[in-house]
Amino acid sequence: MKQHYAFAALATLSLGVALPALAASPSTPTPGAPGTRDLSIGLFPALRPLALIRAEHWLEHDGYKVQWHEFLAGIPPEAAAMAAGSLDFGEADTSGIEQVASHSPGVMWYVGNGAMNYVALIAAKDSPVKSVADLKGRKVGGVAPNTAPTAVLQMAMQKASLTLKDIQGYNTTGPTEPAALARGAFDAVITYAPYSAEMLTNGTGRLITTASQVYGQAWPGGGIIVRPAFAKAHPDVVVALMGYVQRAENLLRDHPQDAYKALAEGTRTSLANVEYCYTHKLVQLPASVVPDEKAMIAQATILKKFGVIKTADVAGFIKDLVHPEFAARAVGK
């Protein structure tokens, strides 16, 4: 099994540019080759199904030759690699997928749900911030206008009659936020699992709210994407992969401790952090791996309201992006 790590800066990437580490990937199958066993898969090392599938080596055990690529900068460089034909599958934050897809339609299809909730607002242990209303005038990390986590923050702040103009926002990334909060750089951060759990388990942070609590229902927090050309050439492989995604969800439901141990190893975080995320519902399992177009339209409508996506027809945009037929076949629907 080969792994590649993409560390390219988010701001320097565009969907028209392939990442050097991936551009010449020999694993990318020739379009039209039937039943390929060679796969190129990208992911952010997070608590989602593909990370568990990689940790358990299920694909490799079943004869697939997989090149795994980690994208620590998230969906933009992952989508860039997919646009260049270097990735077959990927996994990322659902709202981030919607954001990138709205600017670059046709680059990817959303084929499966991976996780719900995922985003949380954490206050420093000794911070005076006890509620969203207390954010006024405070330093808040993880704030980047027109991004998905910040849209969650904006939803929460709107209920407290606040806007981003009422806080001191700082653009930070998840891996840096636990240490920043611990040293007092911020009063609070809008962040995501497993970094939220790290702040809570080490005692440096307090949970203020989560995306699902703010939204009033389960917030789509992660999903599986595929390169459209690959899906058209190898629909059987897409269905098969969604079967593995279902297997991962089943392991999390039926044998959670086994799944938590594998995820801790696969995402290089502690077992305590993984267990905390699931038992305290910072990460929630989706009701089904089959994408729910209505749920995604509702989420995209919120994202449009806060400027994360720009599209005149939200329903039409989601219809083009979401392809539930592969997961439906995988689970027998």
Protein backbone atom coordinates (compact mmCIF):
# COMPACT_ATOMS: atom_id res chain seq x y z
CA MET A 1 0.00 0.00 0.00
CA LYS A 2 1.36 3.40 -0.99
CA GLN A 3 0.51 6.65 0.77
CA HIS A 4 1.18 10.19 -0.37
CA TYR A 5 0.80 13.34 1.67
CA ALA A 6 -0.36 16.59 0.10
CA PHE A 7 0.72 19.58 2.17
CA ALA A 8 0.25 22.29 -0.46
CA ALA A 9 -1.08 25.57 0.87
CA LEU A 10 -4.80 26.03 0.40
CA ALA A 11 -4.51 29.55 -0.95
CA THR A 12 -2.15 28.61 -3.77
CA LEU A 13 -4.28 25.90 -5.33
CA SER A 14 -6.84 26.09 -8.10
CA LEU A 15 -8.89 23.35 -9.64
CA GLY A 16 -7.10 23.74 -12.93
CA VAL A 17 -3.73 22.72 -11.49
CA ALA A 18 -2.75 19.16 -10.62
CA LEU A 19 -0.69 18.53 -7.52
CA PRO A 20 2.86 17.45 -8.43
CA ALA A 21 2.73 14.42 -6.11
CA LEU A 22 -0.30 13.08 -7.93
CA ALA A 23 -0.14 14.25 -11.52
CA ALA A 24 1.81 11.25 -12.78
CA SER A 25 0.08 8.65 -10.62
CA PRO A 26 0.42 5.29 -12.37
CA SER A 27 -2.62 3.94 -10.50
CA THR A 28 -5.15 6.06 -12.38
CA PRO A 29 -7.02 3.55 -14.56
CA THR A 30 -7.49 3.94 -18.27
CA PRO A 31 -11.08 5.10 -18.90
CA GLY A 32 -13.15 2.23 -20.19
CA ALA A 33 -11.05 -0.55 -18.65
CA PRO A 34 -13.61 -2.94 -17.16
CA GLY A 35 -13.62 -3.88 -13.49
CA THR A 36 -10.40 -2.10 -12.58
CA ARG A 37 -8.62 -3.13 -9.38
CA ASP A 38 -6.31 -0.11 -9.38
CA LEU A 39 -7.61 2.77 -7.29
CA SER A 40 -6.37 6.21 -6.31
CA ILE A 41 -8.18 7.50 -3.21
CA GLY A 42 -7.85 10.80 -1.39
CA LEU A 43 -8.93 11.71 2.11
CA PHE A 44 -8.41 14.01 5.04
CA PRO A 45 -7.30 11.77 7.95
CA ALA A 46 -10.55 12.20 9.89
CA LEU A 47 -13.24 10.10 11.56
CA ARG A 48 -15.05 9.03 8.41
CA PRO A 49 -15.54 5.72 6.58
CA LEU A 50 -12.62 5.85 4.14
CA ALA A 51 -10.19 6.34 7.03
CA LEU A 52 -11.59 3.20 8.65
CA ILE A 53 -11.51 1.26 5.37
CA ARG A 54 -7.86 2.23 4.95
CA ALA A 55 -6.98 1.32 8.54
CA GLU A 56 -8.61 -2.12 8.21
CA HIS A 57 -6.98 -2.77 4.77
CA TRP A 58 -10.25 -4.21 3.45
CA LEU A 59 -9.66 -3.11 -0.13
CA GLU A 60 -6.14 -4.51 -0.24
CA HIS A 61 -7.26 -7.78 1.34
CA ASP A 62 -9.83 -8.14 -1.44
CA GLY A 63 -7.29 -7.67 -4.20
CA TYR A 64 -7.43 -3.95 -4.90
CA LYS A 65 -4.21 -2.04 -5.47
CA VAL A 66 -4.77 1.29 -3.73
CA GLN A 67 -2.76 4.46 -3.62
CA TRP A 68 -3.94 6.49 -0.62
CA HIS A 69 -3.35 10.23 -0.68
CA GLU A 70 -3.80 12.47 2.36
CA PHE A 71 -4.95 16.05 1.83
CA LEU A 72 -4.29 17.99 5.00
CA ALA A 73 -5.57 21.19 3.38
CA GLY A 74 -8.97 19.62 2.74
CA ILE A 75 -11.25 19.50 -0.26
CA PRO A 76 -9.81 22.24 -2.56
CA PRO A 77 -6.52 20.43 -3.36
CA GLU A 78 -8.33 17.09 -3.31
CA ALA A 79 -10.76 18.40 -5.93
CA ALA A 80 -7.85 19.82 -7.92
CA ALA A 81 -6.28 16.37 -8.08
CA MET A 82 -9.61 14.86 -9.10
CA ALA A 83 -10.05 17.47 -11.82
CA ALA A 84 -6.60 16.53 -13.13
CA GLY A 85 -7.63 12.86 -13.31
CA SER A 86 -5.26 11.79 -10.55
CA LEU A 87 -7.89 10.70 -8.04
CA ASP A 88 -10.74 8.26 -8.46
CA PHE A 89 -12.42 8.65 -5.07
CA GLY A 90 -12.23 11.10 -2.21
CA GLU A 91 -13.77 11.94 1.14
CA ALA A 92 -14.30 15.37 2.68
CA ASP A 93 -16.64 17.65 4.59
CA THR A 94 -20.05 17.65 2.90
CA SER A 95 -20.51 21.40 2.99
CA GLY A 96 -16.96 21.88 1.73
CA ILE A 97 -17.74 19.56 -1.19
CA GLU A 98 -20.80 21.67 -1.97
CA GLN A 99 -18.71 24.84 -1.77
CA VAL A 100 -16.05 23.63 -4.21
CA ALA A 101 -18.59 22.00 -6.53
CA SER A 102 -20.55 25.25 -6.82
CA HIS A 103 -17.45 26.97 -8.19
CA SER A 104 -16.29 24.03 -10.31
CA PRO A 105 -19.31 22.02 -11.47
CA GLY A 106 -18.69 18.62 -12.99
CA VAL A 107 -15.43 17.93 -11.18
CA MET A 108 -16.96 15.42 -8.75
CA TRP A 109 -20.09 13.49 -7.89
CA TYR A 110 -21.27 13.08 -4.31
CA VAL A 111 -22.10 9.38 -3.94
CA GLY A 112 -22.37 8.59 -0.24
CA ASN A 113 -22.84 9.91 3.27
CA GLY A 114 -19.96 9.46 5.69
CA ALA A 115 -20.67 11.38 8.90
CA MET A 116 -22.98 13.89 10.52
CA ASN A 117 -22.41 16.91 12.80
CA TYR A 118 -18.58 17.23 12.88
CA VAL A 119 -18.28 21.00 13.51
CA ALA A 120 -18.23 22.40 17.06
CA LEU A 121 -17.68 25.68 18.86
CA ILE A 122 -15.20 25.23 21.71
CA ALA A 123 -14.37 27.91 24.31
CA ALA A 124 -11.13 28.06 26.27
CA LYS A 125 -11.52 26.57 29.75
CA ASP A 126 -10.96 29.87 31.54
CA SER A 127 -12.60 32.05 28.90
CA PRO A 128 -15.61 34.20 29.87
CA VAL A 129 -17.40 32.74 26.84
CA LYS A 130 -20.24 30.61 28.18
CA SER A 131 -22.61 30.93 25.23
CA VAL A 132 -22.63 32.13 21.63
CA ALA A 133 -23.84 35.55 22.80
CA ASP A 134 -20.62 35.93 24.81
CA LEU A 135 -18.51 35.87 21.63
CA LYS A 136 -19.05 39.59 21.06
CA GLY A 137 -15.66 41.33 20.96
CA ARG A 138 -13.79 38.06 21.55
CA LYS A 139 -10.95 36.38 19.65
CA VAL A 140 -12.26 33.38 17.72
CA GLY A 141 -10.08 30.95 15.76
CA GLY A 142 -11.13 28.93 12.74
CA VAL A 143 -12.92 31.86 11.13
CA ALA A 144 -12.62 32.13 7.35
CA PRO A 145 -15.54 33.86 5.62
CA ASN A 146 -17.29 31.85 2.89
CA THR A 147 -16.23 28.51 4.36
CA ALA A 148 -18.40 25.74 5.78
CA PRO A 149 -17.35 25.83 9.48
CA THR A 150 -17.74 29.59 9.51
CA ALA A 151 -21.24 29.22 8.05
CA VAL A 152 -22.10 27.11 11.11
CA LEU A 153 -20.68 29.86 13.33
CA GLN A 154 -22.72 32.45 11.46
CA MET A 155 -25.88 30.38 11.94
CA ALA A 156 -25.21 30.28 15.67
CA MET A 157 -24.34 33.95 15.89
CA GLN A 158 -27.43 35.01 13.95
CA LYS A 159 -29.60 33.47 16.67
CA ALA A 160 -27.75 35.68 19.18
CA SER A 161 -28.18 38.76 16.94
CA LEU A 162 -24.46 38.81 16.13
CA THR A 163 -22.45 38.80 12.89
CA LEU A 164 -18.80 38.18 12.06
CA LYS A 165 -18.23 41.91 12.45
CA ASP A 166 -18.90 41.52 16.18
CA ILE A 167 -15.90 39.23 16.79
CA GLN A 168 -12.15 39.21 16.18
CA GLY A 169 -11.89 36.31 13.75
CA TYR A 170 -8.66 34.48 12.93
CA ASN A 171 -8.14 32.08 10.03
CA THR A 172 -6.60 28.94 11.56
CA THR A 173 -6.55 25.23 10.71
CA GLY A 174 -7.77 22.32 12.86
CA PRO A 175 -4.40 20.73 13.73
CA THR A 176 -3.08 24.03 15.14
CA GLU A 177 -6.14 24.92 17.20
CA PRO A 178 -5.78 22.73 20.34
CA ALA A 179 -2.36 24.20 21.15
CA ALA A 180 -3.51 27.74 20.30
CA LEU A 181 -6.50 27.47 22.61
CA ALA A 182 -4.36 25.99 25.38
CA ARG A 183 -1.91 28.89 25.32
CA GLY A 184 -4.69 31.46 25.38
CA ALA A 185 -4.39 32.75 21.82
CA PHE A 186 -8.18 32.63 21.42
CA ASP A 187 -11.26 32.81 23.57
CA ALA A 188 -12.95 30.19 21.38
CA VAL A 189 -12.55 28.28 18.11
CA ILE A 190 -14.97 26.95 15.53
CA THR A 191 -13.38 23.61 14.74
CA TYR A 192 -14.06 19.99 13.85
CA ALA A 193 -13.41 16.44 15.00
CA PRO A 194 -11.07 15.07 16.23
CA TYR A 195 -9.50 18.42 17.24
CA SER A 196 -12.64 19.41 19.13
CA ALA A 197 -12.38 16.24 21.21
CA GLU A 198 -8.68 16.86 21.88
CA MET A 199 -9.50 20.20 23.49
CA LEU A 200 -12.26 18.65 25.57
CA THR A 201 -10.41 15.52 26.70
CA ASN A 202 -7.25 17.40 27.70
CA GLY A 203 -9.26 19.88 29.74
CA THR A 204 -8.29 23.04 27.86
CA GLY A 205 -11.71 23.60 26.27
CA ARG A 206 -15.44 23.61 26.95
CA LEU A 207 -18.13 22.70 24.45
CA ILE A 208 -20.46 25.59 23.61
CA THR A 209 -22.47 24.05 20.76
CA THR A 210 -22.28 21.80 17.71
CA ALA A 211 -23.40 22.12 14.11
CA SER A 212 -26.33 19.77 14.61
CA GLN A 213 -27.48 21.65 17.71
CA VAL A 214 -27.34 24.96 15.87
CA TYR A 215 -29.04 23.53 12.80
CA GLY A 216 -31.78 21.84 14.80
CA GLN A 217 -31.24 18.51 13.05
CA ALA A 218 -28.36 16.33 11.89
CA TRP A 219 -25.86 18.45 9.95
CA PRO A 220 -24.29 16.56 7.00
CA GLY A 221 -20.64 16.45 8.01
CA GLY A 222 -18.81 14.27 5.52
CA GLY A 223 -19.25 12.33 2.31
CA ILE A 224 -17.73 10.26 -0.47
CA ILE A 225 -16.97 11.74 -3.88
CA VAL A 226 -15.99 10.12 -7.17
CA ARG A 227 -14.52 11.39 -10.40
CA PRO A 228 -17.43 11.37 -12.89
CA ALA A 229 -15.39 9.83 -15.72
CA PHE A 230 -14.33 7.00 -13.42
CA ALA A 231 -17.92 6.42 -12.26
CA LYS A 232 -19.15 6.23 -15.85
CA ALA A 233 -16.39 3.80 -16.82
CA HIS A 234 -16.56 1.65 -13.66
CA PRO A 235 -19.99 1.90 -12.02
CA ASP A 236 -19.49 -1.57 -10.53
CA VAL A 237 -16.41 -0.36 -8.65
CA VAL A 238 -18.30 2.65 -7.26
CA VAL A 239 -21.06 0.34 -6.02
CA ALA A 240 -18.43 -1.95 -4.50
CA LEU A 241 -16.73 0.92 -2.68
CA MET A 242 -20.07 2.04 -1.24
CA GLY A 243 -20.45 -1.51 0.05
CA TYR A 244 -17.22 -1.04 1.98
CA VAL A 245 -18.52 2.29 3.30
CA GLN A 246 -21.60 0.46 4.58
CA ARG A 247 -19.32 -2.15 6.15
CA ALA A 248 -17.43 0.62 7.96
CA GLU A 249 -20.67 2.12 9.27
CA ASN A 250 -21.78 -1.34 10.43
CA LEU A 251 -18.50 -1.85 12.31
CA LEU A 252 -18.96 1.48 14.09
CA ARG A 253 -22.49 0.51 15.12
CA ASP A 254 -21.97 -3.16 15.98
CA HIS A 255 -18.37 -3.26 17.24
CA PRO A 256 -17.54 0.34 18.15
CA GLN A 257 -14.45 -0.37 20.23
CA ASP A 258 -12.81 -2.25 17.35
CA ALA A 259 -13.67 0.60 15.01
CA TYR A 260 -12.40 3.25 17.44
CA LYS A 261 -9.04 1.51 17.78
CA ALA A 262 -8.61 1.27 14.02
CA LEU A 263 -9.60 4.92 13.52
CA ALA A 264 -7.21 6.09 16.23
CA GLU A 265 -4.35 4.35 14.46
CA GLY A 266 -5.47 5.43 11.01
CA THR A 267 -5.94 9.11 11.88
CA ARG A 268 -2.98 9.36 14.29
CA THR A 269 -5.07 10.61 17.18
CA SER A 270 -5.70 9.08 20.59
CA LEU A 271 -8.25 6.39 21.28
CA ALA A 272 -9.73 8.68 23.93
CA ASN A 273 -10.34 11.39 21.33
CA VAL A 274 -12.01 8.99 18.90
CA GLU A 275 -14.20 7.45 21.58
CA TYR A 276 -15.18 10.89 22.90
CA CYS A 277 -16.20 12.07 19.43
CA TYR A 278 -18.67 9.24 18.97
CA THR A 279 -19.97 8.77 22.50
CA HIS A 280 -20.58 12.52 22.91
CA LYS A 281 -21.98 12.82 19.37
CA LEU A 282 -19.41 15.27 18.08
CA VAL A 283 -19.49 12.82 15.17
CA GLN A 284 -22.74 11.04 14.40
CA LEU A 285 -23.38 8.16 12.03
CA PRO A 286 -25.71 8.93 9.12
CA ALA A 287 -29.10 7.24 9.04
CA SER A 288 -28.05 5.78 5.67
CA VAL A 289 -25.00 5.86 3.42
CA VAL A 290 -27.38 6.75 0.57
CA PRO A 291 -27.32 10.52 -0.01
CA ASP A 292 -30.51 12.39 0.85
CA GLU A 293 -31.03 15.05 -1.82
CA LYS A 294 -33.61 16.93 0.25
CA ALA A 295 -31.24 17.14 3.23
CA MET A 296 -28.44 18.40 1.02
CA ILE A 297 -30.69 20.99 -0.62
CA ALA A 298 -31.57 22.27 2.85
CA GLN A 299 -27.89 22.46 3.81
CA ALA A 300 -26.92 24.12 0.54
CA THR A 301 -29.65 26.72 1.06
CA ILE A 302 -28.04 27.66 4.38
CA LEU A 303 -24.60 27.80 2.77
CA LYS A 304 -25.93 30.06 0.02
CA LYS A 305 -27.42 32.39 2.61
CA PHE A 306 -24.00 32.92 4.18
CA GLY A 307 -22.11 33.22 0.90
CA VAL A 308 -20.39 29.83 0.95
CA ILE A 309 -21.91 28.75 -2.36
CA LYS A 310 -23.14 30.87 -5.24
CA THR A 311 -25.78 29.30 -7.43
CA ALA A 312 -29.07 30.57 -8.77
CA ASP A 313 -30.75 27.16 -8.56
CA VAL A 314 -29.87 25.25 -5.39
CA ALA A 315 -32.10 22.27 -6.20
CA GLY A 316 -30.67 21.96 -9.69
CA PHE A 317 -27.12 22.28 -8.36
CA ILE A 318 -27.65 19.45 -5.85
CA LYS A 319 -29.36 17.27 -8.45
CA ASP A 320 -26.26 17.54 -10.66
CA LEU A 321 -23.86 16.93 -7.75
CA VAL A 322 -25.58 14.10 -5.88
CA HIS A 323 -25.74 10.58 -7.33
CA PRO A 324 -27.42 8.25 -4.82
CA GLU A 325 -27.84 5.35 -7.25
CA PHE A 326 -24.49 3.72 -6.43
CA ALA A 327 -25.03 3.60 -2.66
CA ALA A 328 -28.64 2.55 -3.21
CA ARG A 329 -27.47 -0.47 -5.21
CA ALA A 330 -24.82 -1.26 -2.59
CA VAL A 331 -27.38 -1.47 0.21
CA GLY A 332 -30.03 -3.14 -1.89
CA LYS A 333 -32.47 -0.25 -2.27
